[in-house]
PDB file of N, CA and C in Angstrom:
ATOM      1  N   UNK A   1       0.860  -1.171   0.000  1.00  0.00           N
ATOM      2  CA  UNK A   1       0.000   0.000   0.000  1.00  0.00           C
ATOM      3  C   UNK A   1       0.896   1.220   0.000  1.00  0.00           C
ATOM      4  N   UNK A   2       0.837   1.986  -1.015  1.00  0.00           N
ATOM      5  CA  UNK A   2       1.573   3.244  -1.056  1.00  0.00           C
ATOM      6  C   UNK A   2       0.810   4.264  -0.233  1.00  0.00           C
ATOM      7  N   UNK A   3       1.513   5.017   0.552  1.00  0.00           N
ATOM      8  CA  UNK A   3       0.867   5.946   1.466  1.00  0.00           C
ATOM      9  C   UNK A   3       1.116   7.370   1.022  1.00  0.00           C
ATOM     10  N   UNK A   4       0.053   8.119   0.917  1.00  0.00           N
ATOM     11  CA  UNK A   4       0.178   9.540   0.635  1.00  0.00           C
ATOM     12  C   UNK A   4       0.355  10.272   1.946  1.00  0.00           C
ATOM     13  N   UNK A   5       1.308  11.180   1.999  1.00  0.00           N
ATOM     14  CA  UNK A   5       1.487  11.950   3.219  1.00  0.00           C
ATOM     15  C   UNK A   5       0.245  12.781   3.524  1.00  0.00           C
ATOM     16  N   UNK A   6      -0.558  13.063   2.504  1.00  0.00           N
ATOM     17  CA  UNK A   6      -1.787  13.821   2.729  1.00  0.00           C
ATOM     18  C   UNK A   6      -2.753  13.090   3.657  1.00  0.00           C
ATOM     19  N   UNK A   7      -2.653  11.761   3.706  1.00  0.00           N
ATOM     20  CA  UNK A   7      -3.551  10.995   4.567  1.00  0.00           C
ATOM     21  C   UNK A   7      -3.397  11.411   6.025  1.00  0.00           C
ATOM     22  N   UNK A   8      -2.196  11.807   6.400  1.00  0.00           N
ATOM     23  CA  UNK A   8      -1.967  12.210   7.779  1.00  0.00           C
ATOM     24  C   UNK A   8      -2.494  13.609   8.064  1.00  0.00           C
ATOM     25  N   UNK A   9      -2.594  14.417   7.039  1.00  0.00           N
ATOM     26  CA  UNK A   9      -3.003  15.805   7.230  1.00  0.00           C
ATOM     27  C   UNK A   9      -4.502  16.030   7.093  1.00  0.00           C
ATOM     28  N   UNK A  10      -5.135  15.435   6.097  1.00  0.00           N
ATOM     29  CA  UNK A  10      -6.457  15.883   5.701  1.00  0.00           C
ATOM     30  C   UNK A  10      -7.619  14.956   6.014  1.00  0.00           C
ATOM     31  N   UNK A  11      -7.529  13.680   5.665  1.00  0.00           N
ATOM     32  CA  UNK A  11      -8.741  12.864   5.680  1.00  0.00           C
ATOM     33  C   UNK A  11      -8.965  12.062   6.956  1.00  0.00           C
ATOM     34  N   UNK A  12      -8.121  12.184   7.950  1.00  0.00           N
ATOM     35  CA  UNK A  12      -8.346  11.492   9.215  1.00  0.00           C
ATOM     36  C   UNK A  12      -8.091   9.997   9.162  1.00  0.00           C
ATOM     37  N   UNK A  13      -7.397   9.528   8.131  1.00  0.00           N
ATOM     38  CA  UNK A  13      -7.107   8.097   8.006  1.00  0.00           C
ATOM     39  C   UNK A  13      -6.405   7.578   9.254  1.00  0.00           C
ATOM     40  N   UNK A  14      -5.451   8.335   9.737  1.00  0.00           N
ATOM     41  CA  UNK A  14      -4.732   7.959  10.957  1.00  0.00           C
ATOM     42  C   UNK A  14      -5.131   8.954  12.030  1.00  0.00           C
ATOM     43  N   UNK A  15      -5.908   8.494  12.997  1.00  0.00           N
ATOM     44  CA  UNK A  15      -6.425   9.381  14.028  1.00  0.00           C
ATOM     45  C   UNK A  15      -5.491   9.430  15.235  1.00  0.00           C
ATOM     46  N   UNK A  16      -5.828  10.260  16.200  1.00  0.00           N
ATOM     47  CA  UNK A  16      -5.029  10.427  17.417  1.00  0.00           C
ATOM     48  C   UNK A  16      -4.833   9.067  18.084  1.00  0.00           C
ATOM     49  N   UNK A  17      -3.589   8.711  18.356  1.00  0.00           N
ATOM     50  CA  UNK A  17      -3.282   7.443  19.001  1.00  0.00           C
ATOM     51  C   UNK A  17      -3.389   6.249  18.063  1.00  0.00           C
ATOM     52  N   UNK A  18      -3.631   6.501  16.795  1.00  0.00           N
ATOM     53  CA  UNK A  18      -3.799   5.412  15.836  1.00  0.00           C
ATOM     54  C   UNK A  18      -2.490   4.951  15.251  1.00  0.00           C
ATOM     55  N   UNK A  19      -2.599   3.955  14.388  1.00  0.00           N
ATOM     56  CA  UNK A  19      -1.407   3.479  13.724  1.00  0.00           C
ATOM     57  C   UNK A  19      -1.718   3.148  12.277  1.00  0.00           C
ATOM     58  N   UNK A  20      -0.673   3.135  11.484  1.00  0.00           N
ATOM     59  CA  UNK A  20      -0.775   2.890  10.053  1.00  0.00           C
ATOM     60  C   UNK A  20       0.082   1.682   9.733  1.00  0.00           C
ATOM     61  N   UNK A  21      -0.522   0.687   9.109  1.00  0.00           N
ATOM     62  CA  UNK A  21       0.225  -0.480   8.666  1.00  0.00           C
ATOM     63  C   UNK A  21       0.216  -0.464   7.156  1.00  0.00           C
ATOM     64  N   UNK A  22       1.362  -0.591   6.556  1.00  0.00           N
ATOM     65  CA  UNK A  22       1.403  -0.533   5.108  1.00  0.00           C
ATOM     66  C   UNK A  22       2.561  -1.320   4.543  1.00  0.00           C
ATOM     67  N   UNK A  23       2.476  -1.547   3.265  1.00  0.00           N
ATOM     68  CA  UNK A  23       3.563  -2.211   2.565  1.00  0.00           C
ATOM     69  C   UNK A  23       3.709  -1.531   1.215  1.00  0.00           C
ATOM     70  N   UNK A  24       4.933  -1.353   0.834  1.00  0.00           N
ATOM     71  CA  UNK A  24       5.190  -0.695  -0.435  1.00  0.00           C
ATOM     72  C   UNK A  24       6.512  -1.206  -0.972  1.00  0.00           C
ATOM     73  N   UNK A  25       6.572  -1.427  -2.263  1.00  0.00           N
ATOM     74  CA  UNK A  25       7.835  -1.826  -2.875  1.00  0.00           C
ATOM     75  C   UNK A  25       8.797  -0.651  -2.975  1.00  0.00           C
ATOM     76  N   UNK A  26       8.241   0.545  -2.934  1.00  0.00           N
ATOM     77  CA  UNK A  26       9.057   1.738  -3.059  1.00  0.00           C
ATOM     78  C   UNK A  26       9.046   2.495  -1.731  1.00  0.00           C
ATOM     79  N   UNK A  27      10.142   3.162  -1.407  1.00  0.00           N
ATOM     80  CA  UNK A  27      10.158   3.982  -0.190  1.00  0.00           C
ATOM     81  C   UNK A  27       9.128   5.100  -0.278  1.00  0.00           C
ATOM     82  N   UNK A  28       8.598   5.485   0.858  1.00  0.00           N
ATOM     83  CA  UNK A  28       7.689   6.623   0.881  1.00  0.00           C
ATOM     84  C   UNK A  28       8.055   7.511   2.051  1.00  0.00           C
ATOM     85  N   UNK A  29       7.681   8.771   1.933  1.00  0.00           N
ATOM     86  CA  UNK A  29       8.022   9.742   2.961  1.00  0.00           C
ATOM     87  C   UNK A  29       6.816  10.004   3.846  1.00  0.00           C
ATOM     88  N   UNK A  30       7.075  10.127   5.121  1.00  0.00           N
ATOM     89  CA  UNK A  30       6.044  10.503   6.076  1.00  0.00           C
ATOM     90  C   UNK A  30       6.530  11.704   6.863  1.00  0.00           C
ATOM     91  N   UNK A  31       5.699  12.693   7.053  1.00  0.00           N
ATOM     92  CA  UNK A  31       6.099  13.843   7.858  1.00  0.00           C
ATOM     93  C   UNK A  31       6.161  13.460   9.335  1.00  0.00           C
ATOM     94  N   UNK A  32       7.220  13.832  10.006  1.00  0.00           N
ATOM     95  CA  UNK A  32       7.432  13.442  11.393  1.00  0.00           C
ATOM     96  C   UNK A  32       6.540  14.228  12.353  1.00  0.00           C
ATOM     97  N   UNK A  33       6.386  15.502  12.162  1.00  0.00           N
ATOM     98  CA  UNK A  33       5.652  16.332  13.116  1.00  0.00           C
ATOM     99  C   UNK A  33       4.210  15.855  13.341  1.00  0.00           C
ATOM    100  N   UNK A  34       3.422  15.576  12.301  1.00  0.00           N
ATOM    101  CA  UNK A  34       2.059  15.084  12.549  1.00  0.00           C
ATOM    102  C   UNK A  34       2.037  13.735  13.272  1.00  0.00           C
ATOM    103  N   UNK A  35       3.051  12.904  13.050  1.00  0.00           N
ATOM    104  CA  UNK A  35       3.123  11.630  13.763  1.00  0.00           C
ATOM    105  C   UNK A  35       3.328  11.868  15.256  1.00  0.00           C
ATOM    106  N   UNK A  36       4.269  12.742  15.578  1.00  0.00           N
ATOM    107  CA  UNK A  36       4.578  13.027  16.980  1.00  0.00           C
ATOM    108  C   UNK A  36       3.423  13.722  17.701  1.00  0.00           C
ATOM    109  N   UNK A  37       2.850  14.716  17.062  1.00  0.00           N
ATOM    110  CA  UNK A  37       1.799  15.506  17.711  1.00  0.00           C
ATOM    111  C   UNK A  37       0.512  14.708  17.905  1.00  0.00           C
ATOM    112  N   UNK A  38       0.264  13.740  17.050  1.00  0.00           N
ATOM    113  CA  UNK A  38      -0.966  12.976  17.165  1.00  0.00           C
ATOM    114  C   UNK A  38      -0.785  11.616  17.794  1.00  0.00           C
ATOM    115  N   UNK A  39       0.407  11.389  18.397  1.00  0.00           N
ATOM    116  CA  UNK A  39       0.701  10.084  18.981  1.00  0.00           C
ATOM    117  C   UNK A  39       0.361   8.961  18.002  1.00  0.00           C
ATOM    118  N   UNK A  40       0.765   9.132  16.758  1.00  0.00           N
ATOM    119  CA  UNK A  40       0.514   8.136  15.725  1.00  0.00           C
ATOM    120  C   UNK A  40       1.728   7.237  15.569  1.00  0.00           C
ATOM    121  N   UNK A  41       1.515   6.039  15.047  1.00  0.00           N
ATOM    122  CA  UNK A  41       2.595   5.081  14.862  1.00  0.00           C
ATOM    123  C   UNK A  41       2.548   4.530  13.440  1.00  0.00           C
ATOM    124  N   UNK A  42       3.701   4.219  12.923  1.00  0.00           N
ATOM    125  CA  UNK A  42       3.809   3.476  11.676  1.00  0.00           C
ATOM    126  C   UNK A  42       4.441   2.147  12.067  1.00  0.00           C
ATOM    127  N   UNK A  43       3.736   1.046  11.815  1.00  0.00           N
ATOM    128  CA  UNK A  43       4.200  -0.262  12.266  1.00  0.00           C
ATOM    129  C   UNK A  43       4.182  -1.254  11.118  1.00  0.00           C
ATOM    130  N   UNK A  44       4.853  -2.348  11.311  1.00  0.00           N
ATOM    131  CA  UNK A  44       4.850  -3.419  10.336  1.00  0.00           C
ATOM    132  C   UNK A  44       5.194  -4.734  11.000  1.00  0.00           C
ATOM    133  N   UNK A  45       4.843  -5.805  10.348  1.00  0.00           N
ATOM    134  CA  UNK A  45       5.131  -7.124  10.891  1.00  0.00           C
ATOM    135  C   UNK A  45       5.296  -8.114   9.751  1.00  0.00           C
ATOM    136  N   UNK A  46       6.297  -8.953   9.861  1.00  0.00           N
ATOM    137  CA  UNK A  46       6.502 -10.003   8.866  1.00  0.00           C
ATOM    138  C   UNK A  46       5.916 -11.325   9.341  1.00  0.00           C
ATOM    139  N   UNK A  47       5.306 -11.324  10.523  1.00  0.00           N
ATOM    140  CA  UNK A  47       4.814 -12.583  11.090  1.00  0.00           C
ATOM    141  C   UNK A  47       3.317 -12.758  10.946  1.00  0.00           C
ATOM    142  N   UNK A  48       2.606 -11.775  10.479  1.00  0.00           N
ATOM    143  CA  UNK A  48       1.162 -11.897  10.348  1.00  0.00           C
ATOM    144  C   UNK A  48       0.447 -11.473  11.612  1.00  0.00           C
ATOM    145  N   UNK A  49      -0.850 -11.688  11.610  1.00  0.00           N
ATOM    146  CA  UNK A  49      -1.663 -11.283  12.739  1.00  0.00           C
ATOM    147  C   UNK A  49      -2.131 -12.474  13.567  1.00  0.00           C
ATOM    148  N   UNK A  50      -3.159 -12.251  14.365  1.00  0.00           N
ATOM    149  CA  UNK A  50      -3.686 -13.281  15.249  1.00  0.00           C
ATOM    150  C   UNK A  50      -4.183 -14.488  14.454  1.00  0.00           C
ATOM    151  N   UNK A  51      -4.890 -14.243  13.372  1.00  0.00           N
ATOM    152  CA  UNK A  51      -5.431 -15.341  12.566  1.00  0.00           C
ATOM    153  C   UNK A  51      -4.310 -16.238  12.036  1.00  0.00           C
ATOM    154  N   UNK A  52      -3.274 -15.622  11.454  1.00  0.00           N
ATOM    155  CA  UNK A  52      -2.165 -16.396  10.900  1.00  0.00           C
ATOM    156  C   UNK A  52      -1.402 -17.141  11.992  1.00  0.00           C
ATOM    157  N   UNK A  53      -1.232 -16.504  13.133  1.00  0.00           N
ATOM    158  CA  UNK A  53      -0.553 -17.168  14.245  1.00  0.00           C
ATOM    159  C   UNK A  53      -1.348 -18.371  14.721  1.00  0.00           C
ATOM    160  N   UNK A  54      -2.673 -18.227  14.826  1.00  0.00           N
ATOM    161  CA  UNK A  54      -3.513 -19.340  15.257  1.00  0.00           C
ATOM    162  C   UNK A  54      -3.455 -20.489  14.253  1.00  0.00           C
ATOM    163  N   UNK A  55      -3.454 -20.165  12.951  1.00  0.00           N
ATOM    164  CA  UNK A  55      -3.344 -21.209  11.931  1.00  0.00           C
ATOM    165  C   UNK A  55      -2.041 -21.982  12.079  1.00  0.00           C
ATOM    166  N   UNK A  56      -0.950 -21.272  12.343  1.00  0.00           N
ATOM    167  CA  UNK A  56       0.345 -21.912  12.526  1.00  0.00           C
ATOM    168  C   UNK A  56       0.346 -22.812  13.753  1.00  0.00           C
ATOM    169  N   UNK A  57      -0.247 -22.345  14.844  1.00  0.00           N
ATOM    170  CA  UNK A  57      -0.320 -23.147  16.069  1.00  0.00           C
ATOM    171  C   UNK A  57      -1.180 -24.387  15.832  1.00  0.00           C
ATOM    172  N   UNK A  58      -2.282 -24.238  15.117  1.00  0.00           N
ATOM    173  CA  UNK A  58      -3.156 -25.382  14.813  1.00  0.00           C
ATOM    174  C   UNK A  58      -2.431 -26.433  13.978  1.00  0.00           C
ATOM    175  N   UNK A  59      -1.666 -25.996  12.981  1.00  0.00           N
ATOM    176  CA  UNK A  59      -0.906 -26.937  12.146  1.00  0.00           C
ATOM    177  C   UNK A  59       0.145 -27.658  12.982  1.00  0.00           C
ATOM    178  N   UNK A  60       0.840 -26.909  13.830  1.00  0.00           N
ATOM    179  CA  UNK A  60       1.857 -27.523  14.691  1.00  0.00           C
ATOM    180  C   UNK A  60       1.224 -28.566  15.615  1.00  0.00           C
ATOM    181  N   UNK A  61       0.074 -28.243  16.198  1.00  0.00           N
ATOM    182  CA  UNK A  61      -0.609 -29.190  17.087  1.00  0.00           C
ATOM    183  C   UNK A  61      -1.066 -30.432  16.321  1.00  0.00           C
ATOM    184  N   UNK A  62      -1.589 -30.236  15.138  1.00  0.00           N
ATOM    185  CA  UNK A  62      -2.076 -31.350  14.312  1.00  0.00           C
ATOM    186  C   UNK A  62      -0.955 -32.336  13.989  1.00  0.00           C
ATOM    187  N   UNK A  63       0.252 -31.807  13.765  1.00  0.00           N
ATOM    188  CA  UNK A  63       1.381 -32.639  13.374  1.00  0.00           C
ATOM    189  C   UNK A  63       2.337 -32.921  14.537  1.00  0.00           C
ATOM    190  N   UNK A  64       1.879 -32.657  15.758  1.00  0.00           N
ATOM    191  CA  UNK A  64       2.661 -32.914  16.974  1.00  0.00           C
ATOM    192  C   UNK A  64       4.042 -32.257  16.913  1.00  0.00           C
ATOM    193  N   UNK A  65       4.054 -30.997  16.494  1.00  0.00           N
ATOM    194  CA  UNK A  65       5.295 -30.213  16.434  1.00  0.00           C
ATOM    195  C   UNK A  65       5.314 -29.281  17.639  1.00  0.00           C
ATOM    196  N   UNK A  66       6.403 -29.317  18.379  1.00  0.00           N
ATOM    197  CA  UNK A  66       6.524 -28.467  19.561  1.00  0.00           C
ATOM    198  C   UNK A  66       7.886 -27.783  19.551  1.00  0.00           C
ATOM    199  N   UNK A  67       7.969 -26.664  20.215  1.00  0.00           N
ATOM    200  CA  UNK A  67       9.234 -25.937  20.335  1.00  0.00           C
ATOM    201  C   UNK A  67      10.130 -26.619  21.356  1.00  0.00           C
ATOM    202  N   UNK A  68      11.414 -26.579  21.104  1.00  0.00           N
ATOM    203  CA  UNK A  68      12.379 -27.048  22.091  1.00  0.00           C
ATOM    204  C   UNK A  68      12.664 -25.881  23.027  1.00  0.00           C
ATOM    205  N   UNK A  69      12.411 -26.081  24.298  1.00  0.00           N
ATOM    206  CA  UNK A  69      12.588 -24.999  25.270  1.00  0.00           C
ATOM    207  C   UNK A  69      13.408 -25.477  26.462  1.00  0.00           C
ATOM    208  N   UNK A  70      13.956 -24.529  27.155  1.00  0.00           N
ATOM    209  CA  UNK A  70      14.618 -24.776  28.428  1.00  0.00           C
ATOM    210  C   UNK A  70      13.915 -23.894  29.455  1.00  0.00           C
ATOM    211  N   UNK A  71      13.195 -24.521  30.370  1.00  0.00           N
ATOM    212  CA  UNK A  71      12.467 -23.779  31.395  1.00  0.00           C
ATOM    213  C   UNK A  71      13.441 -23.418  32.504  1.00  0.00           C
ATOM    214  N   UNK A  72      13.444 -22.142  32.874  1.00  0.00           N
ATOM    215  CA  UNK A  72      14.343 -21.675  33.929  1.00  0.00           C
ATOM    216  C   UNK A  72      13.547 -20.933  34.990  1.00  0.00           C
ATOM    217  N   UNK A  73      14.092 -20.910  36.181  1.00  0.00           N
ATOM    218  CA  UNK A  73      13.512 -20.118  37.266  1.00  0.00           C
ATOM    219  C   UNK A  73      13.960 -18.667  37.141  1.00  0.00           C
ATOM    220  N   UNK A  74      13.200 -17.773  37.732  1.00  0.00           N
ATOM    221  CA  UNK A  74      13.524 -16.352  37.687  1.00  0.00           C
ATOM    222  C   UNK A  74      14.921 -16.085  38.249  1.00  0.00           C
ATOM    223  N   UNK A  75      15.327 -16.849  39.250  1.00  0.00           N
ATOM    224  CA  UNK A  75      16.642 -16.661  39.863  1.00  0.00           C
ATOM    225  C   UNK A  75      17.782 -16.973  38.894  1.00  0.00           C
ATOM    226  N   UNK A  76      17.496 -17.669  37.814  1.00  0.00           N
ATOM    227  CA  UNK A  76      18.503 -18.102  36.857  1.00  0.00           C
ATOM    228  C   UNK A  76      18.649 -17.124  35.678  1.00  0.00           C
ATOM    229  N   UNK A  77      17.862 -16.064  35.673  1.00  0.00           N
ATOM    230  CA  UNK A  77      17.831 -15.150  34.524  1.00  0.00           C
ATOM    231  C   UNK A  77      19.207 -14.555  34.220  1.00  0.00           C
ATOM    232  N   UNK A  78      19.923 -14.103  35.221  1.00  0.00           N
ATOM    233  CA  UNK A  78      21.239 -13.495  34.969  1.00  0.00           C
ATOM    234  C   UNK A  78      22.196 -14.508  34.350  1.00  0.00           C
ATOM    235  N   UNK A  79      22.175 -15.734  34.833  1.00  0.00           N
ATOM    236  CA  UNK A  79      23.013 -16.780  34.256  1.00  0.00           C
ATOM    237  C   UNK A  79      22.583 -17.065  32.819  1.00  0.00           C
ATOM    238  N   UNK A  80      21.276 -17.072  32.576  1.00  0.00           N
ATOM    239  CA  UNK A  80      20.759 -17.302  31.230  1.00  0.00           C
ATOM    240  C   UNK A  80      21.240 -16.199  30.285  1.00  0.00           C
ATOM    241  N   UNK A  81      21.246 -14.959  30.754  1.00  0.00           N
ATOM    242  CA  UNK A  81      21.721 -13.843  29.927  1.00  0.00           C
ATOM    243  C   UNK A  81      23.205 -14.002  29.608  1.00  0.00           C
ATOM    244  N   UNK A  82      23.983 -14.463  30.576  1.00  0.00           N
ATOM    245  CA  UNK A  82      25.407 -14.723  30.331  1.00  0.00           C
ATOM    246  C   UNK A  82      25.575 -15.821  29.282  1.00  0.00           C
ATOM    247  N   UNK A  83      24.749 -16.859  29.383  1.00  0.00           N
ATOM    248  CA  UNK A  83      24.803 -17.948  28.401  1.00  0.00           C
ATOM    249  C   UNK A  83      24.434 -17.441  27.010  1.00  0.00           C
ATOM    250  N   UNK A  84      23.434 -16.552  26.939  1.00  0.00           N
ATOM    251  CA  UNK A  84      23.066 -15.968  25.646  1.00  0.00           C
ATOM    252  C   UNK A  84      24.243 -15.208  25.043  1.00  0.00           C
ATOM    253  N   UNK A  85      24.917 -14.423  25.866  1.00  0.00           N
ATOM    254  CA  UNK A  85      26.059 -13.625  25.393  1.00  0.00           C
ATOM    255  C   UNK A  85      27.185 -14.519  24.871  1.00  0.00           C
ATOM    256  N   UNK A  86      27.357 -15.703  25.481  1.00  0.00           N
ATOM    257  CA  UNK A  86      28.407 -16.634  25.071  1.00  0.00           C
ATOM    258  C   UNK A  86      27.982 -17.526  23.905  1.00  0.00           C
ATOM    259  N   UNK A  87      26.702 -17.480  23.555  1.00  0.00           N
ATOM    260  CA  UNK A  87      26.204 -18.355  22.491  1.00  0.00           C
ATOM    261  C   UNK A  87      26.029 -19.785  22.962  1.00  0.00           C
ATOM    262  N   UNK A  88      25.890 -19.965  24.257  1.00  0.00           N
ATOM    263  CA  UNK A  88      25.767 -21.289  24.870  1.00  0.00           C
ATOM    264  C   UNK A  88      24.297 -21.644  25.116  1.00  0.00           C
ATOM    265  N   UNK A  89      23.464 -21.416  24.123  1.00  0.00           N
ATOM    266  CA  UNK A  89      22.036 -21.683  24.277  1.00  0.00           C
ATOM    267  C   UNK A  89      21.599 -22.573  23.125  1.00  0.00           C
ATOM    268  N   UNK A  90      21.013 -23.697  23.467  1.00  0.00           N
ATOM    269  CA  UNK A  90      20.563 -24.604  22.422  1.00  0.00           C
ATOM    270  C   UNK A  90      19.070 -24.433  22.140  1.00  0.00           C
ATOM    271  N   UNK A  91      18.295 -24.081  23.158  1.00  0.00           N
ATOM    272  CA  UNK A  91      16.854 -23.940  23.027  1.00  0.00           C
ATOM    273  C   UNK A  91      16.413 -22.564  23.522  1.00  0.00           C
ATOM    274  N   UNK A  92      15.162 -22.246  23.271  1.00  0.00           N
ATOM    275  CA  UNK A  92      14.590 -20.987  23.750  1.00  0.00           C
ATOM    276  C   UNK A  92      14.400 -21.084  25.267  1.00  0.00           C
ATOM    277  N   UNK A  93      14.767 -20.014  25.968  1.00  0.00           N
ATOM    278  CA  UNK A  93      14.517 -19.961  27.408  1.00  0.00           C
ATOM    279  C   UNK A  93      13.068 -19.570  27.666  1.00  0.00           C
ATOM    280  N   UNK A  94      12.433 -20.243  28.598  1.00  0.00           N
ATOM    281  CA  UNK A  94      11.105 -19.879  29.075  1.00  0.00           C
ATOM    282  C   UNK A  94      11.225 -19.704  30.580  1.00  0.00           C
ATOM    283  N   UNK A  95      10.879 -18.522  31.059  1.00  0.00           N
ATOM    284  CA  UNK A  95      11.027 -18.218  32.481  1.00  0.00           C
ATOM    285  C   UNK A  95       9.765 -18.643  33.227  1.00  0.00           C
ATOM    286  N   UNK A  96       9.935 -19.512  34.206  1.00  0.00           N
ATOM    287  CA  UNK A  96       8.828 -19.973  35.047  1.00  0.00           C
ATOM    288  C   UNK A  96       8.718 -19.013  36.230  1.00  0.00           C
ATOM    289  N   UNK A  97       7.920 -17.950  36.064  1.00  0.00           N
ATOM    290  CA  UNK A  97       7.839 -16.928  37.114  1.00  0.00           C
ATOM    291  C   UNK A  97       6.986 -17.375  38.303  1.00  0.00           C
ATOM    292  N   UNK A  98       6.210 -18.419  38.123  1.00  0.00           N
ATOM    293  CA  UNK A  98       5.367 -18.898  39.223  1.00  0.00           C
ATOM    294  C   UNK A  98       5.935 -20.124  39.924  1.00  0.00           C
ATOM    295  N   UNK A  99       7.144 -20.537  39.516  1.00  0.00           N
ATOM    296  CA  UNK A  99       7.775 -21.738  40.061  1.00  0.00           C
ATOM    297  C   UNK A  99       6.837 -22.939  40.009  1.00  0.00           C
ATOM    298  N   UNK A 100       6.120 -23.090  38.908  1.00  0.00           N
ATOM    299  CA  UNK A 100       5.141 -24.170  38.780  1.00  0.00           C
ATOM    300  C   UNK A 100       5.683 -25.389  38.056  1.00  0.00           C
ATOM    301  N   UNK A 101       6.805 -25.249  37.360  1.00  0.00           N
ATOM    302  CA  UNK A 101       7.352 -26.374  36.593  1.00  0.00           C
ATOM    303  C   UNK A 101       8.410 -27.164  37.362  1.00  0.00           C
ATOM    304  N   UNK A 102       8.830 -26.646  38.491  1.00  0.00           N
ATOM    305  CA  UNK A 102       9.903 -27.311  39.225  1.00  0.00           C
ATOM    306  C   UNK A 102       9.400 -27.891  40.512  1.00  0.00           C
TER     307      UNK A 102
END
């Protein structure tokens, strides 16, 4: 979607506190001042929305696909960060903040 900068000025397409999601093969210019004054955001995502995420989760469940994770306690977070810095992480860390997995 190519965006006209006029959309921010005249027609109310992006309202106060609103956001604009767009895609364009070509760069486009947006005026900064109207974005700042109206608490507007320009956002994007390569992962899709809720519907696409749910479809992916449903497919994974159907085919018994699960993420490899390492559950850690909150007290282990600093050590986990050190391991991340060293590249010593094989799986995604999941923090058990309620101490329910141990």
